[in-house]
Amino acid sequence: MRREQAEAVAKTHAYFHSIWKEDMHAVPRFLWNAKMRFGKTFATYQLPRSSRQACPGGHLQASSEDAWSPI
Protein backbone atom coordinates (compact mmCIF):
# COMPACT_ATOMS: atom_id res chain seq x y z
CA MET A 1 0.00 0.00 0.00
CA ARG A 2 1.30 3.43 -0.89
CA ARG A 3 1.95 6.09 1.77
CA GLU A 4 -1.09 8.23 0.87
CA GLN A 5 -3.34 5.16 0.91
CA ALA A 6 -2.01 4.14 4.33
CA GLU A 7 -2.64 7.66 5.64
CA ALA A 8 -6.23 7.61 4.34
CA VAL A 9 -6.87 4.21 5.95
CA ALA A 10 -5.36 5.36 9.26
CA LYS A 11 -7.44 8.57 9.32
CA THR A 12 -10.62 6.67 8.50
CA HIS A 13 -9.89 4.03 11.13
CA ALA A 14 -9.28 6.68 13.79
CA TYR A 15 -12.45 8.55 12.82
CA PHE A 16 -14.61 5.42 13.00
CA HIS A 17 -13.30 4.56 16.46
CA SER A 18 -13.81 8.12 17.73
CA ILE A 19 -17.46 7.99 16.62
CA TRP A 20 -17.96 4.54 18.17
CA LYS A 21 -16.56 5.76 21.50
CA GLU A 22 -19.39 8.30 21.64
CA ASP A 23 -22.13 5.96 20.41
CA MET A 24 -21.47 2.27 19.77
CA HIS A 25 -24.51 2.01 17.48
CA ALA A 26 -23.63 4.99 15.27
CA VAL A 27 -22.95 4.46 11.60
CA PRO A 28 -19.93 6.62 10.75
CA ARG A 29 -19.49 8.01 7.25
CA PHE A 30 -16.19 9.15 5.80
CA LEU A 31 -15.66 10.43 2.25
CA TRP A 32 -12.35 9.98 0.49
CA ASN A 33 -12.21 12.85 -1.98
CA ALA A 34 -9.43 11.27 -4.01
CA LYS A 35 -8.65 11.41 -7.69
CA MET A 36 -8.73 8.52 -10.09
CA ARG A 37 -5.74 6.18 -9.83
CA PHE A 38 -5.56 6.71 -6.04
CA GLY A 39 -6.66 3.15 -5.40
CA LYS A 40 -9.83 3.84 -3.41
CA THR A 41 -11.15 0.30 -3.84
CA PHE A 42 -7.88 -1.30 -2.79
CA ALA A 43 -7.53 1.04 0.20
CA THR A 44 -11.14 0.35 1.23
CA TYR A 45 -10.40 -3.37 1.34
CA GLN A 46 -7.44 -2.65 3.61
CA LEU A 47 -9.62 -0.84 6.18
CA PRO A 48 -10.99 -3.99 7.90
CA ARG A 49 -7.46 -5.40 7.96
CA SER A 50 -6.24 -2.37 9.87
CA SER A 51 -8.62 -3.12 12.72
CA ARG A 52 -8.37 -6.91 12.42
CA GLN A 53 -12.14 -7.21 12.32
CA ALA A 54 -14.24 -9.22 9.97
CA CYS A 55 -16.10 -7.24 7.35
CA PRO A 56 -19.59 -8.52 6.55
CA GLY A 57 -20.27 -8.91 2.90
CA GLY A 58 -21.01 -11.37 0.17
CA HIS A 59 -18.68 -13.08 -2.22
CA LEU A 60 -19.72 -14.29 -5.62
CA GLN A 61 -17.77 -16.74 -7.68
CA ALA A 62 -18.71 -17.98 -11.12
CA SER A 63 -17.58 -21.20 -12.72
CA SER A 64 -19.15 -20.12 -16.00
CA GLU A 65 -20.80 -17.01 -17.33
CA ASP A 66 -24.37 -18.22 -16.63
CA ALA A 67 -23.75 -20.01 -13.33
CA TRP A 68 -23.57 -17.28 -10.67
CA SER A 69 -24.31 -18.43 -7.16
CA PRO A 70 -23.56 -16.92 -3.75
CA ILE A 71 -20.97 -18.71 -1.65
PDB file of N, CA and C in Angstrom:
ATOM      1  N   MET A   1       0.849  -1.167   0.000  1.00  0.00           N
ATOM      2  CA  MET A   1       0.000   0.000   0.000  1.00  0.00           C
ATOM      3  C   MET A   1       0.896   1.232   0.000  1.00  0.00           C
ATOM      4  N   ARG A   2       0.518   2.196  -0.814  1.00  0.00           N
ATOM      5  CA  ARG A   2       1.296   3.431  -0.888  1.00  0.00           C
ATOM      6  C   ARG A   2       1.080   4.290   0.361  1.00  0.00           C
ATOM      7  N   ARG A   3       1.987   5.254   0.569  1.00  0.00           N
ATOM      8  CA  ARG A   3       1.951   6.093   1.766  1.00  0.00           C
ATOM      9  C   ARG A   3       0.620   6.841   1.894  1.00  0.00           C
ATOM     10  N   GLU A   4       0.154   7.446   0.790  1.00  0.00           N
ATOM     11  CA  GLU A   4      -1.086   8.229   0.868  1.00  0.00           C
ATOM     12  C   GLU A   4      -2.300   7.330   1.120  1.00  0.00           C
ATOM     13  N   GLN A   5      -2.265   6.110   0.628  1.00  0.00           N
ATOM     14  CA  GLN A   5      -3.340   5.160   0.911  1.00  0.00           C
ATOM     15  C   GLN A   5      -3.325   4.776   2.383  1.00  0.00           C
ATOM     16  N   ALA A   6      -2.135   4.506   2.914  1.00  0.00           N
ATOM     17  CA  ALA A   6      -2.013   4.141   4.332  1.00  0.00           C
ATOM     18  C   ALA A   6      -2.489   5.277   5.233  1.00  0.00           C
ATOM     19  N   GLU A   7      -2.180   6.510   4.855  1.00  0.00           N
ATOM     20  CA  GLU A   7      -2.643   7.659   5.642  1.00  0.00           C
ATOM     21  C   GLU A   7      -4.168   7.765   5.618  1.00  0.00           C
ATOM     22  N   ALA A   8      -4.770   7.548   4.458  1.00  0.00           N
ATOM     23  CA  ALA A   8      -6.231   7.605   4.344  1.00  0.00           C
ATOM     24  C   ALA A   8      -6.882   6.517   5.183  1.00  0.00           C
ATOM     25  N   VAL A   9      -6.331   5.314   5.158  1.00  0.00           N
ATOM     26  CA  VAL A   9      -6.872   4.209   5.954  1.00  0.00           C
ATOM     27  C   VAL A   9      -6.729   4.518   7.442  1.00  0.00           C
ATOM     28  N   ALA A  10      -5.580   5.043   7.853  1.00  0.00           N
ATOM     29  CA  ALA A  10      -5.357   5.360   9.263  1.00  0.00           C
ATOM     30  C   ALA A  10      -6.311   6.456   9.748  1.00  0.00           C
ATOM     31  N   LYS A  11      -6.516   7.495   8.935  1.00  0.00           N
ATOM     32  CA  LYS A  11      -7.441   8.573   9.324  1.00  0.00           C
ATOM     33  C   LYS A  11      -8.872   8.060   9.429  1.00  0.00           C
ATOM     34  N   THR A  12      -9.270   7.228   8.478  1.00  0.00           N
ATOM     35  CA  THR A  12     -10.624   6.674   8.501  1.00  0.00           C
ATOM     36  C   THR A  12     -10.812   5.775   9.708  1.00  0.00           C
ATOM     37  N   HIS A  13      -9.834   4.941   9.977  1.00  0.00           N
ATOM     38  CA  HIS A  13      -9.888   4.032  11.130  1.00  0.00           C
ATOM     39  C   HIS A  13     -10.017   4.820  12.433  1.00  0.00           C
ATOM     40  N   ALA A  14      -9.218   5.854  12.580  1.00  0.00           N
ATOM     41  CA  ALA A  14      -9.277   6.684  13.787  1.00  0.00           C
ATOM     42  C   ALA A  14     -10.623   7.388  13.914  1.00  0.00           C
ATOM     43  N   TYR A  15     -11.146   7.880  12.802  1.00  0.00           N
ATOM     44  CA  TYR A  15     -12.448   8.549  12.824  1.00  0.00           C
ATOM     45  C   TYR A  15     -13.560   7.591  13.243  1.00  0.00           C
ATOM     46  N   PHE A  16     -13.577   6.407  12.655  1.00  0.00           N
ATOM     47  CA  PHE A  16     -14.609   5.416  13.005  1.00  0.00           C
ATOM     48  C   PHE A  16     -14.578   5.112  14.497  1.00  0.00           C
ATOM     49  N   HIS A  17     -13.390   4.903  15.040  1.00  0.00           N
ATOM     50  CA  HIS A  17     -13.298   4.563  16.459  1.00  0.00           C
ATOM     51  C   HIS A  17     -13.673   5.733  17.358  1.00  0.00           C
ATOM     52  N   SER A  18     -13.405   6.965  16.923  1.00  0.00           N
ATOM     53  CA  SER A  18     -13.811   8.116  17.732  1.00  0.00           C
ATOM     54  C   SER A  18     -15.334   8.245  17.767  1.00  0.00           C
ATOM     55  N   ILE A  19     -15.995   7.943  16.655  1.00  0.00           N
ATOM     56  CA  ILE A  19     -17.459   7.985  16.617  1.00  0.00           C
ATOM     57  C   ILE A  19     -18.033   6.875  17.479  1.00  0.00           C
ATOM     58  N   TRP A  20     -17.443   5.680  17.397  1.00  0.00           N
ATOM     59  CA  TRP A  20     -17.964   4.539  18.166  1.00  0.00           C
ATOM     60  C   TRP A  20     -17.727   4.697  19.667  1.00  0.00           C
ATOM     61  N   LYS A  21     -16.744   5.497  20.071  1.00  0.00           N
ATOM     62  CA  LYS A  21     -16.558   5.764  21.501  1.00  0.00           C
ATOM     63  C   LYS A  21     -17.722   6.574  22.041  1.00  0.00           C
ATOM     64  N   GLU A  22     -18.256   7.477  21.219  1.00  0.00           N
ATOM     65  CA  GLU A  22     -19.385   8.299  21.636  1.00  0.00           C
ATOM     66  C   GLU A  22     -20.690   7.504  21.619  1.00  0.00           C
ATOM     67  N   ASP A  23     -20.903   6.736  20.568  1.00  0.00           N
ATOM     68  CA  ASP A  23     -22.130   5.959  20.413  1.00  0.00           C
ATOM     69  C   ASP A  23     -21.801   4.674  19.663  1.00  0.00           C
ATOM     70  N   MET A  24     -21.862   3.553  20.354  1.00  0.00           N
ATOM     71  CA  MET A  24     -21.468   2.274  19.769  1.00  0.00           C
ATOM     72  C   MET A  24     -22.358   1.865  18.595  1.00  0.00           C
ATOM     73  N   HIS A  25     -23.570   2.390  18.533  1.00  0.00           N
ATOM     74  CA  HIS A  25     -24.511   2.005  17.481  1.00  0.00           C
ATOM     75  C   HIS A  25     -24.534   2.996  16.317  1.00  0.00           C
ATOM     76  N   ALA A  26     -23.677   3.990  16.355  1.00  0.00           N
ATOM     77  CA  ALA A  26     -23.632   4.987  15.274  1.00  0.00           C
ATOM     78  C   ALA A  26     -23.057   4.356  14.007  1.00  0.00           C
ATOM     79  N   VAL A  27     -23.465   4.899  12.893  1.00  0.00           N
ATOM     80  CA  VAL A  27     -22.946   4.455  11.596  1.00  0.00           C
ATOM     81  C   VAL A  27     -22.094   5.594  11.044  1.00  0.00           C
ATOM     82  N   PRO A  28     -20.772   5.515  11.219  1.00  0.00           N
ATOM     83  CA  PRO A  28     -19.928   6.618  10.748  1.00  0.00           C
ATOM     84  C   PRO A  28     -19.824   6.648   9.222  1.00  0.00           C
ATOM     85  N   ARG A  29     -19.654   7.831   8.694  1.00  0.00           N
ATOM     86  CA  ARG A  29     -19.486   8.012   7.245  1.00  0.00           C
ATOM     87  C   ARG A  29     -18.243   8.863   7.032  1.00  0.00           C
ATOM     88  N   PHE A  30     -17.435   8.450   6.079  1.00  0.00           N
ATOM     89  CA  PHE A  30     -16.186   9.149   5.803  1.00  0.00           C
ATOM     90  C   PHE A  30     -15.973   9.141   4.298  1.00  0.00           C
ATOM     91  N   LEU A  31     -15.823  10.319   3.702  1.00  0.00           N
ATOM     92  CA  LEU A  31     -15.664  10.426   2.255  1.00  0.00           C
ATOM     93  C   LEU A  31     -14.202  10.644   1.913  1.00  0.00           C
ATOM     94  N   TRP A  32     -13.688   9.793   1.040  1.00  0.00           N
ATOM     95  CA  TRP A  32     -12.347   9.985   0.494  1.00  0.00           C
ATOM     96  C   TRP A  32     -12.498  10.767  -0.798  1.00  0.00           C
ATOM     97  N   ASN A  33     -12.142  12.022  -0.784  1.00  0.00           N
ATOM     98  CA  ASN A  33     -12.213  12.855  -1.977  1.00  0.00           C
ATOM     99  C   ASN A  33     -10.883  12.723  -2.719  1.00  0.00           C
ATOM    100  N   ALA A  34     -10.690  11.574  -3.345  1.00  0.00           N
ATOM    101  CA  ALA A  34      -9.425  11.269  -4.009  1.00  0.00           C
ATOM    102  C   ALA A  34      -9.628  11.170  -5.516  1.00  0.00           C
ATOM    103  N   LYS A  35      -8.591  11.466  -6.229  1.00  0.00           N
ATOM    104  CA  LYS A  35      -8.652  11.413  -7.689  1.00  0.00           C
ATOM    105  C   LYS A  35      -8.591   9.976  -8.184  1.00  0.00           C
ATOM    106  N   MET A  36      -8.879   9.826  -9.454  1.00  0.00           N
ATOM    107  CA  MET A  36      -8.725   8.524 -10.087  1.00  0.00           C
ATOM    108  C   MET A  36      -7.270   8.085  -9.952  1.00  0.00           C
ATOM    109  N   ARG A  37      -7.060   6.813  -9.938  1.00  0.00           N
ATOM    110  CA  ARG A  37      -5.742   6.184  -9.825  1.00  0.00           C
ATOM    111  C   ARG A  37      -5.196   6.230  -8.401  1.00  0.00           C
ATOM    112  N   PHE A  38      -5.979   6.707  -7.433  1.00  0.00           N
ATOM    113  CA  PHE A  38      -5.555   6.711  -6.036  1.00  0.00           C
ATOM    114  C   PHE A  38      -5.582   5.296  -5.470  1.00  0.00           C
ATOM    115  N   GLY A  39      -6.524   4.498  -5.926  1.00  0.00           N
ATOM    116  CA  GLY A  39      -6.660   3.152  -5.400  1.00  0.00           C
ATOM    117  C   GLY A  39      -7.674   3.095  -4.267  1.00  0.00           C
ATOM    118  N   LYS A  40      -8.809   3.786  -4.458  1.00  0.00           N
ATOM    119  CA  LYS A  40      -9.830   3.836  -3.407  1.00  0.00           C
ATOM    120  C   LYS A  40     -10.375   2.451  -3.070  1.00  0.00           C
ATOM    121  N   THR A  41     -10.608   1.634  -4.083  1.00  0.00           N
ATOM    122  CA  THR A  41     -11.155   0.305  -3.836  1.00  0.00           C
ATOM    123  C   THR A  41     -10.154  -0.541  -3.062  1.00  0.00           C
ATOM    124  N   PHE A  42      -8.908  -0.538  -3.490  1.00  0.00           N
ATOM    125  CA  PHE A  42      -7.880  -1.302  -2.793  1.00  0.00           C
ATOM    126  C   PHE A  42      -7.735  -0.823  -1.349  1.00  0.00           C
ATOM    127  N   ALA A  43      -7.686   0.482  -1.151  1.00  0.00           N
ATOM    128  CA  ALA A  43      -7.529   1.037   0.195  1.00  0.00           C
ATOM    129  C   ALA A  43      -8.735   0.715   1.064  1.00  0.00           C
ATOM    130  N   THR A  44      -9.932   0.697   0.481  1.00  0.00           N
ATOM    131  CA  THR A  44     -11.136   0.349   1.229  1.00  0.00           C
ATOM    132  C   THR A  44     -11.066  -1.085   1.736  1.00  0.00           C
ATOM    133  N   TYR A  45     -10.548  -1.978   0.907  1.00  0.00           N
ATOM    134  CA  TYR A  45     -10.404  -3.368   1.336  1.00  0.00           C
ATOM    135  C   TYR A  45      -9.363  -3.522   2.442  1.00  0.00           C
ATOM    136  N   GLN A  46      -8.446  -2.584   2.558  1.00  0.00           N
ATOM    137  CA  GLN A  46      -7.437  -2.649   3.614  1.00  0.00           C
ATOM    138  C   GLN A  46      -7.974  -2.146   4.954  1.00  0.00           C
ATOM    139  N   LEU A  47      -9.073  -1.415   4.946  1.00  0.00           N
ATOM    140  CA  LEU A  47      -9.618  -0.839   6.181  1.00  0.00           C
ATOM    141  C   LEU A  47      -9.980  -1.898   7.218  1.00  0.00           C
ATOM    142  N   PRO A  48     -10.711  -2.968   6.881  1.00  0.00           N
ATOM    143  CA  PRO A  48     -10.987  -3.992   7.902  1.00  0.00           C
ATOM    144  C   PRO A  48      -9.715  -4.686   8.388  1.00  0.00           C
ATOM    145  N   ARG A  49      -8.722  -4.792   7.541  1.00  0.00           N
ATOM    146  CA  ARG A  49      -7.456  -5.398   7.958  1.00  0.00           C
ATOM    147  C   ARG A  49      -6.755  -4.557   8.996  1.00  0.00           C
ATOM    148  N   SER A  50      -6.924  -3.242   8.922  1.00  0.00           N
ATOM    149  CA  SER A  50      -6.242  -2.369   9.869  1.00  0.00           C
ATOM    150  C   SER A  50      -6.788  -2.535  11.279  1.00  0.00           C
ATOM    151  N   SER A  51      -8.044  -2.932  11.394  1.00  0.00           N
ATOM    152  CA  SER A  51      -8.623  -3.118  12.723  1.00  0.00           C
ATOM    153  C   SER A  51      -8.735  -4.584  13.091  1.00  0.00           C
ATOM    154  N   ARG A  52      -8.339  -5.461  12.196  1.00  0.00           N
ATOM    155  CA  ARG A  52      -8.367  -6.907  12.421  1.00  0.00           C
ATOM    156  C   ARG A  52      -9.768  -7.408  12.753  1.00  0.00           C
ATOM    157  N   GLN A  53     -10.755  -6.798  12.132  1.00  0.00           N
ATOM    158  CA  GLN A  53     -12.140  -7.205  12.324  1.00  0.00           C
ATOM    159  C   GLN A  53     -12.686  -7.757  11.025  1.00  0.00           C
ATOM    160  N   ALA A  54     -13.603  -8.671  11.159  1.00  0.00           N
ATOM    161  CA  ALA A  54     -14.243  -9.224   9.971  1.00  0.00           C
ATOM    162  C   ALA A  54     -15.165  -8.185   9.365  1.00  0.00           C
ATOM    163  N   CYS A  55     -15.246  -8.177   8.071  1.00  0.00           N
ATOM    164  CA  CYS A  55     -16.102  -7.242   7.355  1.00  0.00           C
ATOM    165  C   CYS A  55     -17.244  -8.034   6.737  1.00  0.00           C
ATOM    166  N   PRO A  56     -18.482  -7.771   7.139  1.00  0.00           N
ATOM    167  CA  PRO A  56     -19.590  -8.524   6.551  1.00  0.00           C
ATOM    168  C   PRO A  56     -19.760  -8.171   5.085  1.00  0.00           C
ATOM    169  N   GLY A  57     -20.067  -9.159   4.319  1.00  0.00           N
ATOM    170  CA  GLY A  57     -20.269  -8.909   2.897  1.00  0.00           C
ATOM    171  C   GLY A  57     -20.394 -10.230   2.159  1.00  0.00           C
ATOM    172  N   GLY A  58     -20.836 -10.157   0.958  1.00  0.00           N
ATOM    173  CA  GLY A  58     -21.006 -11.367   0.167  1.00  0.00           C
ATOM    174  C   GLY A  58     -19.839 -11.563  -0.775  1.00  0.00           C
ATOM    175  N   HIS A  59     -19.723 -12.756  -1.248  1.00  0.00           N
ATOM    176  CA  HIS A  59     -18.683 -13.080  -2.219  1.00  0.00           C
ATOM    177  C   HIS A  59     -19.306 -13.944  -3.287  1.00  0.00           C
ATOM    178  N   LEU A  60     -19.159 -13.525  -4.516  1.00  0.00           N
ATOM    179  CA  LEU A  60     -19.716 -14.291  -5.624  1.00  0.00           C
ATOM    180  C   LEU A  60     -18.583 -14.866  -6.449  1.00  0.00           C
ATOM    181  N   GLN A  61     -18.772 -16.093  -6.853  1.00  0.00           N
ATOM    182  CA  GLN A  61     -17.767 -16.745  -7.680  1.00  0.00           C
ATOM    183  C   GLN A  61     -18.493 -17.501  -8.780  1.00  0.00           C
ATOM    184  N   ALA A  62     -18.049 -17.328 -10.001  1.00  0.00           N
ATOM    185  CA  ALA A  62     -18.714 -17.979 -11.125  1.00  0.00           C
ATOM    186  C   ALA A  62     -17.796 -19.010 -11.752  1.00  0.00           C
ATOM    187  N   SER A  63     -18.354 -20.195 -12.000  1.00  0.00           N
ATOM    188  CA  SER A  63     -17.582 -21.200 -12.721  1.00  0.00           C
ATOM    189  C   SER A  63     -17.792 -21.039 -14.222  1.00  0.00           C
ATOM    190  N   SER A  64     -18.907 -20.448 -14.594  1.00  0.00           N
ATOM    191  CA  SER A  64     -19.154 -20.117 -15.996  1.00  0.00           C
ATOM    192  C   SER A  64     -19.985 -18.845 -16.038  1.00  0.00           C
ATOM    193  N   GLU A  65     -20.138 -18.297 -17.195  1.00  0.00           N
ATOM    194  CA  GLU A  65     -20.799 -17.013 -17.328  1.00  0.00           C
ATOM    195  C   GLU A  65     -22.257 -17.040 -16.852  1.00  0.00           C
ATOM    196  N   ASP A  66     -22.944 -18.164 -16.997  1.00  0.00           N
ATOM    197  CA  ASP A  66     -24.368 -18.224 -16.631  1.00  0.00           C
ATOM    198  C   ASP A  66     -24.610 -18.977 -15.328  1.00  0.00           C
ATOM    199  N   ALA A  67     -23.591 -19.204 -14.541  1.00  0.00           N
ATOM    200  CA  ALA A  67     -23.754 -20.010 -13.328  1.00  0.00           C
ATOM    201  C   ALA A  67     -23.327 -19.241 -12.079  1.00  0.00           C
ATOM    202  N   TRP A  68     -23.885 -18.047 -11.869  1.00  0.00           N
ATOM    203  CA  TRP A  68     -23.573 -17.284 -10.672  1.00  0.00           C
ATOM    204  C   TRP A  68     -24.346 -17.833  -9.485  1.00  0.00           C
ATOM    205  N   SER A  69     -23.645 -17.992  -8.383  1.00  0.00           N
ATOM    206  CA  SER A  69     -24.309 -18.433  -7.156  1.00  0.00           C
ATOM    207  C   SER A  69     -23.551 -17.869  -5.974  1.00  0.00           C
ATOM    208  N   PRO A  70     -24.258 -17.442  -4.931  1.00  0.00           N
ATOM    209  CA  PRO A  70     -23.564 -16.920  -3.746  1.00  0.00           C
ATOM    210  C   PRO A  70     -22.877 -18.047  -2.988  1.00  0.00           C
ATOM    211  N   ILE A  71     -21.727 -17.720  -2.435  1.00  0.00           N
ATOM    212  CA  ILE A  71     -20.974 -18.715  -1.655  1.00  0.00           C
ATOM    213  C   ILE A  71     -21.195 -18.440  -0.199  1.00  0.00           C
TER     214      ILE A  71
END
